[in-house]
Amino acid sequence: MLNNALISDYTLTDNIPQYQNQTWSGETITRMVGTQYFSLSFKVTLNKKDRAELANFLALYGNGKPFDMSLGWWGTYSGSQNAVIQATAARAAGATSIAVNSNSLEVGNLVQFNGHKKLYRVLANTGTTITIFPGLVNSIQTSEVMKYNNLQGSFILTPQNSAYQLPSTNVIEFTVQATENIRG
């Protein structure tokens, strides 16, 4: 993607579409309104001799074409699970409870399914059923593999004010902002 550039200041943001209010009786109510998605921001630093690589990246992905990018250490698993996790039953889009083979995946980890690239967070795990958030955006099939290590998200560039500021200096610093391609 950007082979001759230094990637730094990588920030992954979890955008949970929720709001909270307090009733007259003092009860707090939290509601989810829509699909959760991730966004990312990172700085690209490169020499002017490598500017064609940045120009190529912007030409390929500047018009809404998704690109895949590693989640860095957020996508690197560090728990005790060491075997393949597979769905033991098909589930339709919207489902949050996934029947899987025996596993020890910890709550809080990010996962994906082989059939699509949306990122999900594990909310609960009984060893044979995993609860995820948000609900599935695409259906999954029986025996579909749940990926939990070396995750790569699918993202779409989100330019600031529909303009890219490209400095004309010997060392170019460019900030990339992107939003998860939730249907990817």
C-alpha atoms as a PDB file:
ATOM      1  CA  MET A   1       0.000   0.000   0.000  1.00  0.00           C
ATOM      2  CA  LEU A   2       2.522   2.639   1.169  1.00  0.00           C
ATOM      3  CA  ASN A   3       5.775   0.682   1.176  1.00  0.00           C
ATOM      4  CA  ASN A   4       8.281   3.576   1.259  1.00  0.00           C
ATOM      5  CA  ALA A   5       6.480   5.614   3.910  1.00  0.00           C
ATOM      6  CA  LEU A   6       6.688   5.774   7.670  1.00  0.00           C
ATOM      7  CA  ILE A   7       3.278   5.266   9.286  1.00  0.00           C
ATOM      8  CA  SER A   8       2.941   6.940  12.693  1.00  0.00           C
ATOM      9  CA  ASP A   9       0.374   8.467  15.043  1.00  0.00           C
ATOM     10  CA  TYR A  10      -1.995   5.562  14.315  1.00  0.00           C
ATOM     11  CA  THR A  11      -5.330   6.017  16.097  1.00  0.00           C
ATOM     12  CA  LEU A  12      -8.240   3.559  15.936  1.00  0.00           C
ATOM     13  CA  THR A  13     -11.561   5.031  17.083  1.00  0.00           C
ATOM     14  CA  ASP A  14     -14.583   2.929  18.094  1.00  0.00           C
ATOM     15  CA  ASN A  15     -17.689   4.890  17.071  1.00  0.00           C
ATOM     16  CA  ILE A  16     -20.579   3.535  19.105  1.00  0.00           C
ATOM     17  CA  PRO A  17     -23.824   5.236  18.034  1.00  0.00           C
ATOM     18  CA  GLN A  18     -25.393   5.638  21.441  1.00  0.00           C
ATOM     19  CA  TYR A  19     -26.953   8.319  23.518  1.00  0.00           C
ATOM     20  CA  GLN A  20     -27.855   8.546  27.155  1.00  0.00           C
ATOM     21  CA  ASN A  21     -30.508  10.496  29.017  1.00  0.00           C
ATOM     22  CA  GLN A  22     -31.905  10.615  32.494  1.00  0.00           C
ATOM     23  CA  THR A  23     -35.631  10.256  33.195  1.00  0.00           C
ATOM     24  CA  TRP A  24     -37.565  12.405  35.636  1.00  0.00           C
ATOM     25  CA  SER A  25     -37.380   9.580  38.153  1.00  0.00           C
ATOM     26  CA  GLY A  26     -33.567   9.637  37.966  1.00  0.00           C
ATOM     27  CA  GLU A  27     -33.179   6.446  35.935  1.00  0.00           C
ATOM     28  CA  THR A  28     -30.430   6.563  33.294  1.00  0.00           C
ATOM     29  CA  ILE A  29     -31.339   5.135  29.890  1.00  0.00           C
ATOM     30  CA  THR A  30     -28.713   4.311  27.262  1.00  0.00           C
ATOM     31  CA  ARG A  31     -29.795   3.557  23.694  1.00  0.00           C
ATOM     32  CA  MET A  32     -27.920   2.298  20.654  1.00  0.00           C
ATOM     33  CA  VAL A  33     -29.078   3.901  17.424  1.00  0.00           C
ATOM     34  CA  GLY A  34     -27.486   2.352  14.365  1.00  0.00           C
ATOM     35  CA  THR A  35     -24.451   0.301  13.490  1.00  0.00           C
ATOM     36  CA  GLN A  36     -21.154   0.693  15.316  1.00  0.00           C
ATOM     37  CA  TYR A  37     -18.124   1.348  13.112  1.00  0.00           C
ATOM     38  CA  PHE A  38     -14.417   2.076  13.476  1.00  0.00           C
ATOM     39  CA  SER A  39     -12.478   4.972  12.045  1.00  0.00           C
ATOM     40  CA  LEU A  40      -8.761   5.464  11.866  1.00  0.00           C
ATOM     41  CA  SER A  41      -6.250   8.211  11.457  1.00  0.00           C
ATOM     42  CA  PHE A  42      -2.545   7.914  10.764  1.00  0.00           C
ATOM     43  CA  LYS A  43       0.305  10.096   9.581  1.00  0.00           C
ATOM     44  CA  VAL A  44       2.253   9.175   6.455  1.00  0.00           C
ATOM     45  CA  THR A  45       5.805  10.555   6.252  1.00  0.00           C
ATOM     46  CA  LEU A  46       7.831  10.079   3.078  1.00  0.00           C
ATOM     47  CA  ASN A  47      10.562  11.676   1.009  1.00  0.00           C
ATOM     48  CA  LYS A  48       9.592  13.724  -2.015  1.00  0.00           C
ATOM     49  CA  LYS A  49      11.223  11.128  -4.293  1.00  0.00           C
ATOM     50  CA  ASP A  50       8.496   8.675  -3.166  1.00  0.00           C
ATOM     51  CA  ARG A  51       5.586  11.084  -3.741  1.00  0.00           C
ATOM     52  CA  ALA A  52       4.320   8.968  -6.663  1.00  0.00           C
ATOM     53  CA  GLU A  53       3.435   6.274  -4.130  1.00  0.00           C
ATOM     54  CA  LEU A  54       1.222   8.711  -2.201  1.00  0.00           C
ATOM     55  CA  ALA A  55      -0.286  10.019  -5.450  1.00  0.00           C
ATOM     56  CA  ASN A  56      -1.046   6.421  -6.469  1.00  0.00           C
ATOM     57  CA  PHE A  57      -2.699   5.704  -3.089  1.00  0.00           C
ATOM     58  CA  LEU A  58      -4.899   8.804  -3.398  1.00  0.00           C
ATOM     59  CA  ALA A  59      -5.789   8.022  -7.024  1.00  0.00           C
ATOM     60  CA  LEU A  60      -6.777   4.438  -6.161  1.00  0.00           C
ATOM     61  CA  TYR A  61      -8.691   5.103  -2.958  1.00  0.00           C
ATOM     62  CA  GLY A  62      -9.666   8.796  -3.042  1.00  0.00           C
ATOM     63  CA  ASN A  63     -12.994   8.110  -4.758  1.00  0.00           C
ATOM     64  CA  GLY A  64     -14.492   5.688  -2.257  1.00  0.00           C
ATOM     65  CA  LYS A  65     -12.746   2.434  -3.157  1.00  0.00           C
ATOM     66  CA  PRO A  66     -12.076   0.491   0.081  1.00  0.00           C
ATOM     67  CA  PHE A  67      -8.544  -0.410   1.151  1.00  0.00           C
ATOM     68  CA  ASP A  68      -7.417  -2.981   3.706  1.00  0.00           C
ATOM     69  CA  MET A  69      -5.143  -2.023   6.573  1.00  0.00           C
ATOM     70  CA  SER A  70      -3.741  -3.846   9.554  1.00  0.00           C
ATOM     71  CA  LEU A  71      -5.112  -2.786  12.929  1.00  0.00           C
ATOM     72  CA  GLY A  72      -1.590  -2.920  14.333  1.00  0.00           C
ATOM     73  CA  TRP A  73      -1.409  -4.291  17.846  1.00  0.00           C
ATOM     74  CA  TRP A  74      -5.200  -3.748  18.252  1.00  0.00           C
ATOM     75  CA  GLY A  75      -5.604  -6.600  15.747  1.00  0.00           C
ATOM     76  CA  THR A  76      -2.944  -8.847  17.260  1.00  0.00           C
ATOM     77  CA  TYR A  77      -4.390 -11.423  19.632  1.00  0.00           C
ATOM     78  CA  SER A  78      -2.584 -11.996  22.943  1.00  0.00           C
ATOM     79  CA  GLY A  79      -4.877 -14.388  24.831  1.00  0.00           C
ATOM     80  CA  SER A  80      -4.971 -18.143  25.363  1.00  0.00           C
ATOM     81  CA  GLN A  81      -7.038 -19.228  22.316  1.00  0.00           C
ATOM     82  CA  ASN A  82      -4.829 -21.091  19.842  1.00  0.00           C
ATOM     83  CA  ALA A  83      -7.157 -23.114  17.589  1.00  0.00           C
ATOM     84  CA  VAL A  84      -9.476 -22.224  14.727  1.00  0.00           C
ATOM     85  CA  ILE A  85     -12.931 -20.993  15.773  1.00  0.00           C
ATOM     86  CA  GLN A  86     -15.812 -21.892  13.453  1.00  0.00           C
ATOM     87  CA  ALA A  87     -19.529 -21.173  13.483  1.00  0.00           C
ATOM     88  CA  THR A  88     -21.503 -24.371  14.134  1.00  0.00           C
ATOM     89  CA  ALA A  89     -24.729 -22.917  12.694  1.00  0.00           C
ATOM     90  CA  ALA A  90     -25.612 -20.338  10.065  1.00  0.00           C
ATOM     91  CA  ARG A  91     -26.798 -16.959  11.365  1.00  0.00           C
ATOM     92  CA  ALA A  92     -28.680 -14.193   9.572  1.00  0.00           C
ATOM     93  CA  ALA A  93     -27.669 -10.544   9.442  1.00  0.00           C
ATOM     94  CA  GLY A  94     -28.550  -8.828  12.719  1.00  0.00           C
ATOM     95  CA  ALA A  95     -27.738 -11.826  14.945  1.00  0.00           C
ATOM     96  CA  THR A  96     -25.545 -11.163  17.969  1.00  0.00           C
ATOM     97  CA  SER A  97     -25.267 -14.697  19.359  1.00  0.00           C
ATOM     98  CA  ILE A  98     -23.047 -17.066  17.347  1.00  0.00           C
ATOM     99  CA  ALA A  99     -22.823 -20.802  18.075  1.00  0.00           C
ATOM    100  CA  VAL A 100     -19.172 -21.861  17.687  1.00  0.00           C
ATOM    101  CA  ASN A 101     -16.912 -24.822  18.382  1.00  0.00           C
ATOM    102  CA  SER A 102     -15.312 -25.006  21.805  1.00  0.00           C
ATOM    103  CA  ASN A 103     -13.080 -21.988  22.457  1.00  0.00           C
ATOM    104  CA  SER A 104     -11.569 -19.757  25.131  1.00  0.00           C
ATOM    105  CA  LEU A 105     -11.681 -16.393  23.351  1.00  0.00           C
ATOM    106  CA  GLU A 106     -11.714 -13.588  25.915  1.00  0.00           C
ATOM    107  CA  VAL A 107     -14.393 -10.888  26.192  1.00  0.00           C
ATOM    108  CA  GLY A 108     -13.302  -7.568  24.662  1.00  0.00           C
ATOM    109  CA  ASN A 109     -11.366  -9.014  21.729  1.00  0.00           C
ATOM    110  CA  LEU A 110     -12.067  -7.942  18.173  1.00  0.00           C
ATOM    111  CA  VAL A 111     -13.080 -10.594  15.619  1.00  0.00           C
ATOM    112  CA  GLN A 112     -14.052 -10.907  11.948  1.00  0.00           C
ATOM    113  CA  PHE A 113     -15.642 -13.598   9.823  1.00  0.00           C
ATOM    114  CA  ASN A 114     -14.109 -14.989   6.626  1.00  0.00           C
ATOM    115  CA  GLY A 115     -17.163 -13.985   4.563  1.00  0.00           C
ATOM    116  CA  HIS A 116     -16.868 -10.244   5.271  1.00  0.00           C
ATOM    117  CA  LYS A 117     -14.429  -7.767   6.856  1.00  0.00           C
ATOM    118  CA  LYS A 118     -16.613  -5.950   9.423  1.00  0.00           C
ATOM    119  CA  LEU A 119     -14.977  -5.818  12.855  1.00  0.00           C
ATOM    120  CA  TYR A 120     -16.959  -7.051  15.873  1.00  0.00           C
ATOM    121  CA  ARG A 121     -16.256  -6.966  19.617  1.00  0.00           C
ATOM    122  CA  VAL A 122     -16.796 -10.061  21.782  1.00  0.00           C
ATOM    123  CA  LEU A 123     -19.217  -9.196  24.603  1.00  0.00           C
ATOM    124  CA  ALA A 124     -19.677 -12.668  26.116  1.00  0.00           C
ATOM    125  CA  ASN A 125     -18.388 -16.206  25.647  1.00  0.00           C
ATOM    126  CA  THR A 126     -19.780 -19.415  27.151  1.00  0.00           C
ATOM    127  CA  GLY A 127     -17.206 -21.602  25.380  1.00  0.00           C
ATOM    128  CA  THR A 128     -19.678 -22.664  22.676  1.00  0.00           C
ATOM    129  CA  THR A 129     -21.621 -19.423  22.095  1.00  0.00           C
ATOM    130  CA  ILE A 130     -20.068 -16.025  21.468  1.00  0.00           C
ATOM    131  CA  THR A 131     -22.057 -12.794  21.766  1.00  0.00           C
ATOM    132  CA  ILE A 132     -20.802  -9.976  19.542  1.00  0.00           C
ATOM    133  CA  PHE A 133     -21.456  -6.273  19.084  1.00  0.00           C
ATOM    134  CA  PRO A 134     -22.756  -4.941  16.801  1.00  0.00           C
ATOM    135  CA  GLY A 135     -25.108  -7.484  15.247  1.00  0.00           C
ATOM    136  CA  LEU A 136     -23.910  -9.171  12.072  1.00  0.00           C
ATOM    137  CA  VAL A 137     -24.063  -6.859   9.047  1.00  0.00           C
ATOM    138  CA  ASN A 138     -23.940  -9.900   6.719  1.00  0.00           C
ATOM    139  CA  SER A 139     -25.093 -13.457   7.311  1.00  0.00           C
ATOM    140  CA  ILE A 140     -22.574 -16.169   8.175  1.00  0.00           C
ATOM    141  CA  GLN A 141     -22.590 -19.816   7.119  1.00  0.00           C
ATOM    142  CA  THR A 142     -22.080 -23.028   9.065  1.00  0.00           C
ATOM    143  CA  SER A 143     -18.331 -23.735   9.405  1.00  0.00           C
ATOM    144  CA  GLU A 144     -17.420 -20.111   8.618  1.00  0.00           C
ATOM    145  CA  VAL A 145     -14.153 -19.243  10.360  1.00  0.00           C
ATOM    146  CA  MET A 146     -14.051 -16.490  12.984  1.00  0.00           C
ATOM    147  CA  LYS A 147     -10.748 -14.659  12.660  1.00  0.00           C
ATOM    148  CA  TYR A 148      -9.314 -13.258  15.891  1.00  0.00           C
ATOM    149  CA  ASN A 149      -5.618 -12.644  15.138  1.00  0.00           C
ATOM    150  CA  ASN A 150      -3.781 -10.399  12.657  1.00  0.00           C
ATOM    151  CA  LEU A 151      -6.981  -8.530  11.846  1.00  0.00           C
ATOM    152  CA  GLN A 152      -7.172  -6.177   8.896  1.00  0.00           C
ATOM    153  CA  GLY A 153      -9.994  -3.700   8.561  1.00  0.00           C
ATOM    154  CA  SER A 154     -11.565  -2.492   5.347  1.00  0.00           C
ATOM    155  CA  PHE A 155     -11.633   1.317   5.250  1.00  0.00           C
ATOM    156  CA  ILE A 156     -12.762   4.153   2.982  1.00  0.00           C
ATOM    157  CA  LEU A 157     -10.891   7.476   2.919  1.00  0.00           C
ATOM    158  CA  THR A 158     -12.751  10.380   4.508  1.00  0.00           C
ATOM    159  CA  PRO A 159     -11.099  13.558   3.198  1.00  0.00           C
ATOM    160  CA  GLN A 160     -11.315  16.727   5.235  1.00  0.00           C
ATOM    161  CA  ASN A 161     -13.626  19.174   3.428  1.00  0.00           C
ATOM    162  CA  SER A 162     -13.183  17.082   0.256  1.00  0.00           C
ATOM    163  CA  ALA A 163      -9.626  18.398  -0.163  1.00  0.00           C
ATOM    164  CA  TYR A 164      -6.195  16.874   0.327  1.00  0.00           C
ATOM    165  CA  GLN A 165      -3.435  19.197   1.467  1.00  0.00           C
ATOM    166  CA  LEU A 166      -0.195  18.035  -0.138  1.00  0.00           C
ATOM    167  CA  PRO A 167       2.834  19.981   1.089  1.00  0.00           C
ATOM    168  CA  SER A 168       5.632  20.764  -1.358  1.00  0.00           C
ATOM    169  CA  THR A 169       8.598  20.009   0.887  1.00  0.00           C
ATOM    170  CA  ASN A 170      11.475  17.521   0.854  1.00  0.00           C
ATOM    171  CA  VAL A 171       9.826  15.446   3.572  1.00  0.00           C
ATOM    172  CA  ILE A 172       6.091  15.077   3.084  1.00  0.00           C
ATOM    173  CA  GLU A 173       3.761  14.567   6.039  1.00  0.00           C
ATOM    174  CA  PHE A 174       0.207  13.660   5.173  1.00  0.00           C
ATOM    175  CA  THR A 175      -2.577  12.622   7.557  1.00  0.00           C
ATOM    176  CA  VAL A 176      -4.939   9.916   6.374  1.00  0.00           C
ATOM    177  CA  GLN A 177      -8.415   9.631   7.843  1.00  0.00           C
ATOM    178  CA  ALA A 178     -10.683   6.734   6.988  1.00  0.00           C
ATOM    179  CA  THR A 179     -13.940   5.121   8.072  1.00  0.00           C
ATOM    180  CA  GLU A 180     -14.643   1.393   8.290  1.00  0.00           C
ATOM    181  CA  ASN A 181     -16.292  -0.094   5.232  1.00  0.00           C
ATOM    182  CA  ILE A 182     -19.002  -1.865   7.263  1.00  0.00           C
ATOM    183  CA  ARG A 183     -20.411  -3.766   4.278  1.00  0.00           C
ATOM    184  CA  GLY A 184     -16.932  -4.966   3.215  1.00  0.00           C
END
